[in-house]
Every structure is written in C-alpha cells, then in structure tokens.
Amino acid sequence: SYGDLMLAMYAEREPDIAFTHMFPGMVDTEA
C-alpha cells in the first residue's frame, strides 16, 4: 500500500512522467 500511494503522489508531482505499479501474480521464478 505504501508503494501505491508513493507512485500516485509522484505522479501528481511529476505529471509528465509515467508511474506504474504492476502485479506479477504467481510467476515461476527462482524466488
């Protein structure tokens, strides 16, 4: 939730830049 609000507020401060929060789901990675 901190990450969502951070990006939303950065987008307000920097309206010409894109700020994206993307959910990967369950991905078959090393982690």
Full PDB file with SEQRES, HELIX, SHEET, SSBOND, CRYST1, ORIGX, SCALE, CONECT and MASTER records, all heavy atoms in Angstrom:
SEQRES   1 A   31  SER TYR GLY ASP LEU MET LEU ALA MET TYR ALA GLU ARG          
SEQRES   2 A   31  GLU PRO ASP ILE ALA PHE THR HIS MET PHE PRO GLY MET          
SEQRES   3 A   31  VAL ASP THR GLU ALA                                          
HELIX    1 AA1 TYR A    2  ARG A   13  1                                  12    
CRYST1    1.000    1.000    1.000  90.00  90.00  90.00 P 1           1          
ORIGX1      1.000000  0.000000  0.000000        0.00000                         
ORIGX2      0.000000  1.000000  0.000000        0.00000                         
ORIGX3      0.000000  0.000000  1.000000        0.00000                         
SCALE1      1.000000  0.000000  0.000000        0.00000                         
SCALE2      0.000000  1.000000  0.000000        0.00000                         
SCALE3      0.000000  0.000000  1.000000        0.00000                         
ATOM      1  N   SER A   1       0.823  -1.212   0.000  1.00  0.00           N  
ATOM      2  CA  SER A   1       0.000   0.000   0.000  1.00  0.00           C  
ATOM      3  C   SER A   1       0.854   1.258   0.000  1.00  0.00           C  
ATOM      4  O   SER A   1       0.498   2.261  -0.634  1.00  0.00           O  
ATOM      5  CB  SER A   1      -0.928  -0.011   1.225  1.00  0.00           C  
ATOM      6  OG  SER A   1      -1.760  -1.157   1.203  1.00  0.00           O  
ATOM      7  N   TYR A   2       1.975   1.219   0.699  1.00  0.00           N  
ATOM      8  CA  TYR A   2       2.903   2.355   0.668  1.00  0.00           C  
ATOM      9  C   TYR A   2       3.343   2.610  -0.776  1.00  0.00           C  
ATOM     10  O   TYR A   2       3.429   3.759  -1.223  1.00  0.00           O  
ATOM     11  CB  TYR A   2       4.142   2.055   1.508  1.00  0.00           C  
ATOM     12  CG  TYR A   2       4.006   2.181   3.006  1.00  0.00           C  
ATOM     13  CD1 TYR A   2       2.764   2.106   3.649  1.00  0.00           C  
ATOM     14  CD2 TYR A   2       5.122   2.356   3.806  1.00  0.00           C  
ATOM     15  CE1 TYR A   2       2.659   2.203   5.022  1.00  0.00           C  
ATOM     16  CE2 TYR A   2       5.037   2.451   5.192  1.00  0.00           C  
ATOM     17  CZ  TYR A   2       3.800   2.368   5.792  1.00  0.00           C  
ATOM     18  OH  TYR A   2       3.707   2.467   7.155  1.00  0.00           O  
ATOM     19  N   GLY A   3       3.637   1.522  -1.501  1.00  0.00           N  
ATOM     20  CA  GLY A   3       4.093   1.670  -2.883  1.00  0.00           C  
ATOM     21  C   GLY A   3       3.043   2.299  -3.784  1.00  0.00           C  
ATOM     22  O   GLY A   3       3.361   3.126  -4.646  1.00  0.00           O  
ATOM     23  N   ASP A   4       1.791   1.911  -3.596  1.00  0.00           N  
ATOM     24  CA  ASP A   4       0.712   2.515  -4.382  1.00  0.00           C  
ATOM     25  C   ASP A   4       0.625   4.019  -4.144  1.00  0.00           C  
ATOM     26  O   ASP A   4       0.565   4.810  -5.095  1.00  0.00           O  
ATOM     27  CB  ASP A   4      -0.630   1.874  -4.007  1.00  0.00           C  
ATOM     28  CG  ASP A   4      -0.873   0.546  -4.712  1.00  0.00           C  
ATOM     29  OD1 ASP A   4      -0.538   0.445  -5.899  1.00  0.00           O  
ATOM     30  OD2 ASP A   4      -1.384  -0.375  -4.064  1.00  0.00           O  
ATOM     31  N   LEU A   5       0.612   4.405  -2.870  1.00  0.00           N  
ATOM     32  CA  LEU A   5       0.471   5.829  -2.558  1.00  0.00           C  
ATOM     33  C   LEU A   5       1.694   6.605  -3.008  1.00  0.00           C  
ATOM     34  O   LEU A   5       1.569   7.723  -3.516  1.00  0.00           O  
ATOM     35  CB  LEU A   5       0.231   6.017  -1.057  1.00  0.00           C  
ATOM     36  CG  LEU A   5      -0.030   7.462  -0.611  1.00  0.00           C  
ATOM     37  CD1 LEU A   5      -1.189   8.084  -1.390  1.00  0.00           C  
ATOM     38  CD2 LEU A   5      -0.302   7.516   0.891  1.00  0.00           C  
ATOM     39  N   MET A   6       2.867   6.023  -2.851  1.00  0.00           N  
ATOM     40  CA  MET A   6       4.094   6.680  -3.308  1.00  0.00           C  
ATOM     41  C   MET A   6       4.002   7.035  -4.787  1.00  0.00           C  
ATOM     42  O   MET A   6       4.258   8.179  -5.197  1.00  0.00           O  
ATOM     43  CB  MET A   6       5.288   5.760  -3.076  1.00  0.00           C  
ATOM     44  CG  MET A   6       6.581   6.240  -3.703  1.00  0.00           C  
ATOM     45  SD  MET A   6       7.887   4.984  -3.750  1.00  0.00           S  
ATOM     46  CE  MET A   6       7.502   4.143  -5.293  1.00  0.00           C  
ATOM     47  N   LEU A   7       3.640   6.051  -5.611  1.00  0.00           N  
ATOM     48  CA  LEU A   7       3.599   6.277  -7.055  1.00  0.00           C  
ATOM     49  C   LEU A   7       2.501   7.258  -7.439  1.00  0.00           C  
ATOM     50  O   LEU A   7       2.683   8.086  -8.343  1.00  0.00           O  
ATOM     51  CB  LEU A   7       3.413   4.947  -7.782  1.00  0.00           C  
ATOM     52  CG  LEU A   7       4.608   3.991  -7.677  1.00  0.00           C  
ATOM     53  CD1 LEU A   7       4.245   2.610  -8.221  1.00  0.00           C  
ATOM     54  CD2 LEU A   7       5.820   4.545  -8.421  1.00  0.00           C  
ATOM     55  N   ALA A   8       1.367   7.179  -6.762  1.00  0.00           N  
ATOM     56  CA  ALA A   8       0.280   8.123  -7.039  1.00  0.00           C  
ATOM     57  C   ALA A   8       0.718   9.553  -6.730  1.00  0.00           C  
ATOM     58  O   ALA A   8       0.412  10.492  -7.489  1.00  0.00           O  
ATOM     59  CB  ALA A   8      -0.953   7.761  -6.221  1.00  0.00           C  
ATOM     60  N   MET A   9       1.440   9.723  -5.633  1.00  0.00           N  
ATOM     61  CA  MET A   9       1.869  11.067  -5.249  1.00  0.00           C  
ATOM     62  C   MET A   9       3.003  11.570  -6.137  1.00  0.00           C  
ATOM     63  O   MET A   9       3.064  12.765  -6.462  1.00  0.00           O  
ATOM     64  CB  MET A   9       2.263  11.082  -3.775  1.00  0.00           C  
ATOM     65  CG  MET A   9       1.083  10.822  -2.844  1.00  0.00           C  
ATOM     66  SD  MET A   9       1.472  10.930  -1.080  1.00  0.00           S  
ATOM     67  CE  MET A   9       1.673  12.723  -0.889  1.00  0.00           C  
ATOM     68  N   TYR A  10       3.890  10.680  -6.551  1.00  0.00           N  
ATOM     69  CA  TYR A  10       4.914  11.100  -7.500  1.00  0.00           C  
ATOM     70  C   TYR A  10       4.279  11.532  -8.820  1.00  0.00           C  
ATOM     71  O   TYR A  10       4.717  12.496  -9.456  1.00  0.00           O  
ATOM     72  CB  TYR A  10       5.896   9.954  -7.772  1.00  0.00           C  
ATOM     73  CG  TYR A  10       7.085   9.928  -6.839  1.00  0.00           C  
ATOM     74  CD1 TYR A  10       7.417   8.776  -6.128  1.00  0.00           C  
ATOM     75  CD2 TYR A  10       7.897  11.046  -6.677  1.00  0.00           C  
ATOM     76  CE1 TYR A  10       8.511   8.741  -5.274  1.00  0.00           C  
ATOM     77  CE2 TYR A  10       8.996  11.024  -5.824  1.00  0.00           C  
ATOM     78  CZ  TYR A  10       9.290   9.867  -5.125  1.00  0.00           C  
ATOM     79  OH  TYR A  10      10.375   9.844  -4.281  1.00  0.00           O  
ATOM     80  N   ALA A  11       3.231  10.821  -9.237  1.00  0.00           N  
ATOM     81  CA  ALA A  11       2.557  11.171 -10.491  1.00  0.00           C  
ATOM     82  C   ALA A  11       1.913  12.549 -10.406  1.00  0.00           C  
ATOM     83  O   ALA A  11       1.856  13.283 -11.401  1.00  0.00           O  
ATOM     84  CB  ALA A  11       1.506  10.111 -10.828  1.00  0.00           C  
ATOM     85  N   GLU A  12       1.421  12.901  -9.234  1.00  0.00           N  
ATOM     86  CA  GLU A  12       0.850  14.230  -9.047  1.00  0.00           C  
ATOM     87  C   GLU A  12       1.925  15.305  -9.131  1.00  0.00           C  
ATOM     88  O   GLU A  12       1.697  16.388  -9.676  1.00  0.00           O  
ATOM     89  CB  GLU A  12       0.150  14.307  -7.692  1.00  0.00           C  
ATOM     90  CG  GLU A  12      -1.092  13.433  -7.588  1.00  0.00           C  
ATOM     91  CD  GLU A  12      -1.617  13.342  -6.176  1.00  0.00           C  
ATOM     92  OE1 GLU A  12      -1.015  13.966  -5.269  1.00  0.00           O  
ATOM     93  OE2 GLU A  12      -2.621  12.636  -5.960  1.00  0.00           O  
ATOM     94  N   ARG A  13       3.091  14.994  -8.599  1.00  0.00           N  
ATOM     95  CA  ARG A  13       4.194  15.961  -8.596  1.00  0.00           C  
ATOM     96  C   ARG A  13       4.905  16.042  -9.943  1.00  0.00           C  
ATOM     97  O   ARG A  13       5.487  17.082 -10.277  1.00  0.00           O  
ATOM     98  CB  ARG A  13       5.203  15.577  -7.501  1.00  0.00           C  
ATOM     99  CG  ARG A  13       4.696  15.854  -6.091  1.00  0.00           C  
ATOM    100  CD  ARG A  13       5.540  15.127  -5.036  1.00  0.00           C  
ATOM    101  NE  ARG A  13       5.305  15.628  -3.692  1.00  0.00           N  
ATOM    102  CZ  ARG A  13       4.221  15.402  -2.973  1.00  0.00           C  
ATOM    103  NH1 ARG A  13       3.252  14.643  -3.488  1.00  0.00           N  
ATOM    104  NH2 ARG A  13       4.078  15.901  -1.762  1.00  0.00           N  
ATOM    105  N   GLU A  14       4.888  14.940 -10.682  1.00  0.00           N  
ATOM    106  CA  GLU A  14       5.584  14.871 -11.977  1.00  0.00           C  
ATOM    107  C   GLU A  14       4.598  14.407 -13.055  1.00  0.00           C  
ATOM    108  O   GLU A  14       4.645  13.262 -13.518  1.00  0.00           O  
ATOM    109  CB  GLU A  14       6.757  13.891 -11.884  1.00  0.00           C  
ATOM    110  CG  GLU A  14       7.773  14.204 -10.809  1.00  0.00           C  
ATOM    111  CD  GLU A  14       8.621  15.423 -11.148  1.00  0.00           C  
ATOM    112  OE1 GLU A  14       8.705  15.781 -12.343  1.00  0.00           O  
ATOM    113  OE2 GLU A  14       9.203  16.012 -10.220  1.00  0.00           O  
ATOM    114  N   PRO A  15       3.680  15.261 -13.477  1.00  0.00           N  
ATOM    115  CA  PRO A  15       2.591  14.831 -14.365  1.00  0.00           C  
ATOM    116  C   PRO A  15       3.030  14.383 -15.754  1.00  0.00           C  
ATOM    117  O   PRO A  15       2.245  13.753 -16.463  1.00  0.00           O  
ATOM    118  CB  PRO A  15       1.705  16.085 -14.445  1.00  0.00           C  
ATOM    119  CG  PRO A  15       2.607  17.220 -14.098  1.00  0.00           C  
ATOM    120  CD  PRO A  15       3.581  16.687 -13.106  1.00  0.00           C  
ATOM    121  N   ASP A  16       4.261  14.652 -16.151  1.00  0.00           N  
ATOM    122  CA  ASP A  16       4.714  14.251 -17.480  1.00  0.00           C  
ATOM    123  C   ASP A  16       5.418  12.902 -17.497  1.00  0.00           C  
ATOM    124  O   ASP A  16       5.818  12.415 -18.559  1.00  0.00           O  
ATOM    125  CB  ASP A  16       5.656  15.316 -18.056  1.00  0.00           C  
ATOM    126  CG  ASP A  16       4.931  16.613 -18.380  1.00  0.00           C  
ATOM    127  OD1 ASP A  16       3.739  16.533 -18.728  1.00  0.00           O  
ATOM    128  OD2 ASP A  16       5.545  17.685 -18.266  1.00  0.00           O  
ATOM    129  N   ILE A  17       5.573  12.290 -16.313  1.00  0.00           N  
ATOM    130  CA  ILE A  17       6.268  11.007 -16.202  1.00  0.00           C  
ATOM    131  C   ILE A  17       5.258   9.925 -15.850  1.00  0.00           C  
ATOM    132  O   ILE A  17       4.300  10.167 -15.128  1.00  0.00           O  
ATOM    133  CB  ILE A  17       7.374  11.089 -15.126  1.00  0.00           C  
ATOM    134  CG1 ILE A  17       8.432  12.124 -15.534  1.00  0.00           C  
ATOM    135  CG2 ILE A  17       8.027   9.722 -14.903  1.00  0.00           C  
ATOM    136  CD1 ILE A  17       9.490  12.374 -14.474  1.00  0.00           C  
ATOM    137  N   ALA A  18       5.459   8.719 -16.353  1.00  0.00           N  
ATOM    138  CA  ALA A  18       4.575   7.587 -16.040  1.00  0.00           C  
ATOM    139  C   ALA A  18       5.081   6.860 -14.797  1.00  0.00           C  
ATOM    140  O   ALA A  18       6.278   6.600 -14.664  1.00  0.00           O  
ATOM    141  CB  ALA A  18       4.522   6.621 -17.218  1.00  0.00           C  
ATOM    142  N   PHE A  19       4.152   6.535 -13.900  1.00  0.00           N  
ATOM    143  CA  PHE A  19       4.473   5.791 -12.676  1.00  0.00           C  
ATOM    144  C   PHE A  19       3.531   4.590 -12.600  1.00  0.00           C  
ATOM    145  O   PHE A  19       2.322   4.753 -12.476  1.00  0.00           O  
ATOM    146  CB  PHE A  19       4.320   6.672 -11.443  1.00  0.00           C  
ATOM    147  CG  PHE A  19       5.292   7.815 -11.387  1.00  0.00           C  
ATOM    148  CD1 PHE A  19       4.992   9.037 -11.982  1.00  0.00           C  
ATOM    149  CD2 PHE A  19       6.526   7.668 -10.753  1.00  0.00           C  
ATOM    150  CE1 PHE A  19       5.897  10.095 -11.946  1.00  0.00           C  
ATOM    151  CE2 PHE A  19       7.432   8.713 -10.708  1.00  0.00           C  
ATOM    152  CZ  PHE A  19       7.125   9.933 -11.308  1.00  0.00           C  
ATOM    153  N   THR A  20       4.101   3.405 -12.677  1.00  0.00           N  
ATOM    154  CA  THR A  20       3.296   2.183 -12.798  1.00  0.00           C  
ATOM    155  C   THR A  20       3.605   1.194 -11.679  1.00  0.00           C  
ATOM    156  O   THR A  20       4.771   0.931 -11.374  1.00  0.00           O  
ATOM    157  CB  THR A  20       3.565   1.498 -14.152  1.00  0.00           C  
ATOM    158  OG1 THR A  20       3.276   2.411 -15.209  1.00  0.00           O  
ATOM    159  CG2 THR A  20       2.710   0.244 -14.302  1.00  0.00           C  
ATOM    160  N   HIS A  21       2.553   0.634 -11.095  1.00  0.00           N  
ATOM    161  CA  HIS A  21       2.662  -0.452 -10.125  1.00  0.00           C  
ATOM    162  C   HIS A  21       1.973  -1.647 -10.761  1.00  0.00           C  
ATOM    163  O   HIS A  21       0.775  -1.618 -11.009  1.00  0.00           O  
ATOM    164  CB  HIS A  21       1.956  -0.062  -8.826  1.00  0.00           C  
ATOM    165  CG  HIS A  21       2.561  -0.671  -7.604  1.00  0.00           C  
ATOM    166  ND1 HIS A  21       2.031  -0.527  -6.350  1.00  0.00           N  
ATOM    167  CD2 HIS A  21       3.673  -1.428  -7.430  1.00  0.00           C  
ATOM    168  CE1 HIS A  21       2.778  -1.146  -5.460  1.00  0.00           C  
ATOM    169  NE2 HIS A  21       3.781  -1.712  -6.090  1.00  0.00           N  
ATOM    170  N   MET A  22       2.734  -2.705 -11.031  1.00  0.00           N  
ATOM    171  CA  MET A  22       2.152  -3.854 -11.743  1.00  0.00           C  
ATOM    172  C   MET A  22       2.304  -5.134 -10.925  1.00  0.00           C  
ATOM    173  O   MET A  22       3.358  -5.416 -10.363  1.00  0.00           O  
ATOM    174  CB  MET A  22       2.797  -4.023 -13.115  1.00  0.00           C  
ATOM    175  CG  MET A  22       2.142  -5.120 -13.952  1.00  0.00           C  
ATOM    176  SD  MET A  22       2.489  -4.936 -15.715  1.00  0.00           S  
ATOM    177  CE  MET A  22       1.893  -6.511 -16.342  1.00  0.00           C  
ATOM    178  N   PHE A  23       1.236  -5.901 -10.891  1.00  0.00           N  
ATOM    179  CA  PHE A  23       1.166  -7.146 -10.131  1.00  0.00           C  
ATOM    180  C   PHE A  23       1.615  -8.311 -11.010  1.00  0.00           C  
ATOM    181  O   PHE A  23       1.011  -8.573 -12.045  1.00  0.00           O  
ATOM    182  CB  PHE A  23      -0.264  -7.361  -9.651  1.00  0.00           C  
ATOM    183  CG  PHE A  23      -0.481  -8.627  -8.873  1.00  0.00           C  
ATOM    184  CD1 PHE A  23       0.286  -8.908  -7.759  1.00  0.00           C  
ATOM    185  CD2 PHE A  23      -1.470  -9.525  -9.241  1.00  0.00           C  
ATOM    186  CE1 PHE A  23       0.083 -10.068  -7.032  1.00  0.00           C  
ATOM    187  CE2 PHE A  23      -1.690 -10.691  -8.518  1.00  0.00           C  
ATOM    188  CZ  PHE A  23      -0.901 -10.964  -7.409  1.00  0.00           C  
ATOM    189  N   PRO A  24       2.655  -9.052 -10.620  1.00  0.00           N  
ATOM    190  CA  PRO A  24       3.134 -10.139 -11.469  1.00  0.00           C  
ATOM    191  C   PRO A  24       2.328 -11.418 -11.364  1.00  0.00           C  
ATOM    192  O   PRO A  24       2.348 -12.239 -12.278  1.00  0.00           O  
ATOM    193  CB  PRO A  24       4.562 -10.365 -10.956  1.00  0.00           C  
ATOM    194  CG  PRO A  24       4.499  -9.973  -9.515  1.00  0.00           C  
ATOM    195  CD  PRO A  24       3.513  -8.822  -9.456  1.00  0.00           C  
ATOM    196  N   GLY A  25       1.611 -11.601 -10.226  1.00  0.00           N  
ATOM    197  CA  GLY A  25       0.942 -12.873  -9.998  1.00  0.00           C  
ATOM    198  C   GLY A  25       1.948 -13.935  -9.587  1.00  0.00           C  
ATOM    199  O   GLY A  25       3.066 -13.632  -9.148  1.00  0.00           O  
ATOM    200  N   MET A  26       1.576 -15.192  -9.738  1.00  0.00           N  
ATOM    201  CA  MET A  26       2.461 -16.303  -9.383  1.00  0.00           C  
ATOM    202  C   MET A  26       3.321 -16.655 -10.595  1.00  0.00           C  
ATOM    203  O   MET A  26       2.856 -17.293 -11.546  1.00  0.00           O  
ATOM    204  CB  MET A  26       1.647 -17.519  -8.940  1.00  0.00           C  
ATOM    205  CG  MET A  26       0.922 -17.325  -7.628  1.00  0.00           C  
ATOM    206  SD  MET A  26      -0.077 -18.769  -7.159  1.00  0.00           S  
ATOM    207  CE  MET A  26       1.197 -20.037  -7.023  1.00  0.00           C  
ATOM    208  N   VAL A  27       4.551 -16.215 -10.566  1.00  0.00           N  
ATOM    209  CA  VAL A  27       5.458 -16.414 -11.699  1.00  0.00           C  
ATOM    210  C   VAL A  27       6.517 -17.439 -11.308  1.00  0.00           C  
ATOM    211  O   VAL A  27       7.040 -17.424 -10.189  1.00  0.00           O  
ATOM    212  CB  VAL A  27       6.130 -15.088 -12.108  1.00  0.00           C  
ATOM    213  CG1 VAL A  27       7.025 -15.294 -13.331  1.00  0.00           C  
ATOM    214  CG2 VAL A  27       5.064 -14.038 -12.402  1.00  0.00           C  
ATOM    215  N   ASP A  28       6.822 -18.322 -12.215  1.00  0.00           N  
ATOM    216  CA  ASP A  28       7.778 -19.398 -11.936  1.00  0.00           C  
ATOM    217  C   ASP A  28       9.205 -18.873 -12.018  1.00  0.00           C  
ATOM    218  O   ASP A  28       9.924 -19.098 -12.996  1.00  0.00           O  
ATOM    219  CB  ASP A  28       7.569 -20.547 -12.926  1.00  0.00           C  
ATOM    220  CG  ASP A  28       8.328 -21.807 -12.519  1.00  0.00           C  
ATOM    221  OD1 ASP A  28       8.784 -21.871 -11.361  1.00  0.00           O  
ATOM    222  OD2 ASP A  28       8.454 -22.712 -13.353  1.00  0.00           O  
ATOM    223  N   THR A  29       9.612 -18.178 -10.970  1.00  0.00           N  
ATOM    224  CA  THR A  29      10.967 -17.642 -10.889  1.00  0.00           C  
ATOM    225  C   THR A  29      11.728 -18.312  -9.757  1.00  0.00           C  
ATOM    226  O   THR A  29      11.168 -19.064  -8.957  1.00  0.00           O  
ATOM    227  CB  THR A  29      10.930 -16.123 -10.627  1.00  0.00           C  
ATOM    228  OG1 THR A  29      10.370 -15.888  -9.324  1.00  0.00           O  
ATOM    229  CG2 THR A  29      10.107 -15.399 -11.677  1.00  0.00           C  
ATOM    230  N   GLU A  30      13.012 -17.992  -9.664  1.00  0.00           N  
ATOM    231  CA  GLU A  30      13.863 -18.548  -8.615  1.00  0.00           C  
ATOM    232  C   GLU A  30      13.317 -18.242  -7.219  1.00  0.00           C  
ATOM    233  O   GLU A  30      13.462 -19.037  -6.291  1.00  0.00           O  
ATOM    234  CB  GLU A  30      15.283 -17.994  -8.735  1.00  0.00           C  
ATOM    235  CG  GLU A  30      15.978 -18.346 -10.040  1.00  0.00           C  
ATOM    236  CD  GLU A  30      15.795 -17.295 -11.116  1.00  0.00           C  
ATOM    237  OE1 GLU A  30      14.717 -16.649 -11.141  1.00  0.00           O  
ATOM    238  OE2 GLU A  30      16.710 -17.117 -11.936  1.00  0.00           O  
ATOM    239  N   ALA A  31      12.688 -17.081  -7.067  1.00  0.00           N  
ATOM    240  CA  ALA A  31      12.196 -16.657  -5.753  1.00  0.00           C  
ATOM    241  C   ALA A  31      11.040 -17.516  -5.251  1.00  0.00           C  
ATOM    242  O   ALA A  31      10.742 -17.513  -4.052  1.00  0.00           O  
ATOM    243  CB  ALA A  31      11.762 -15.189  -5.813  1.00  0.00           C  
TER     244      ALA A  31                                                      
MASTER        0    0    0    1    0    0    0    6  243    1    0    3          
END                                                                             
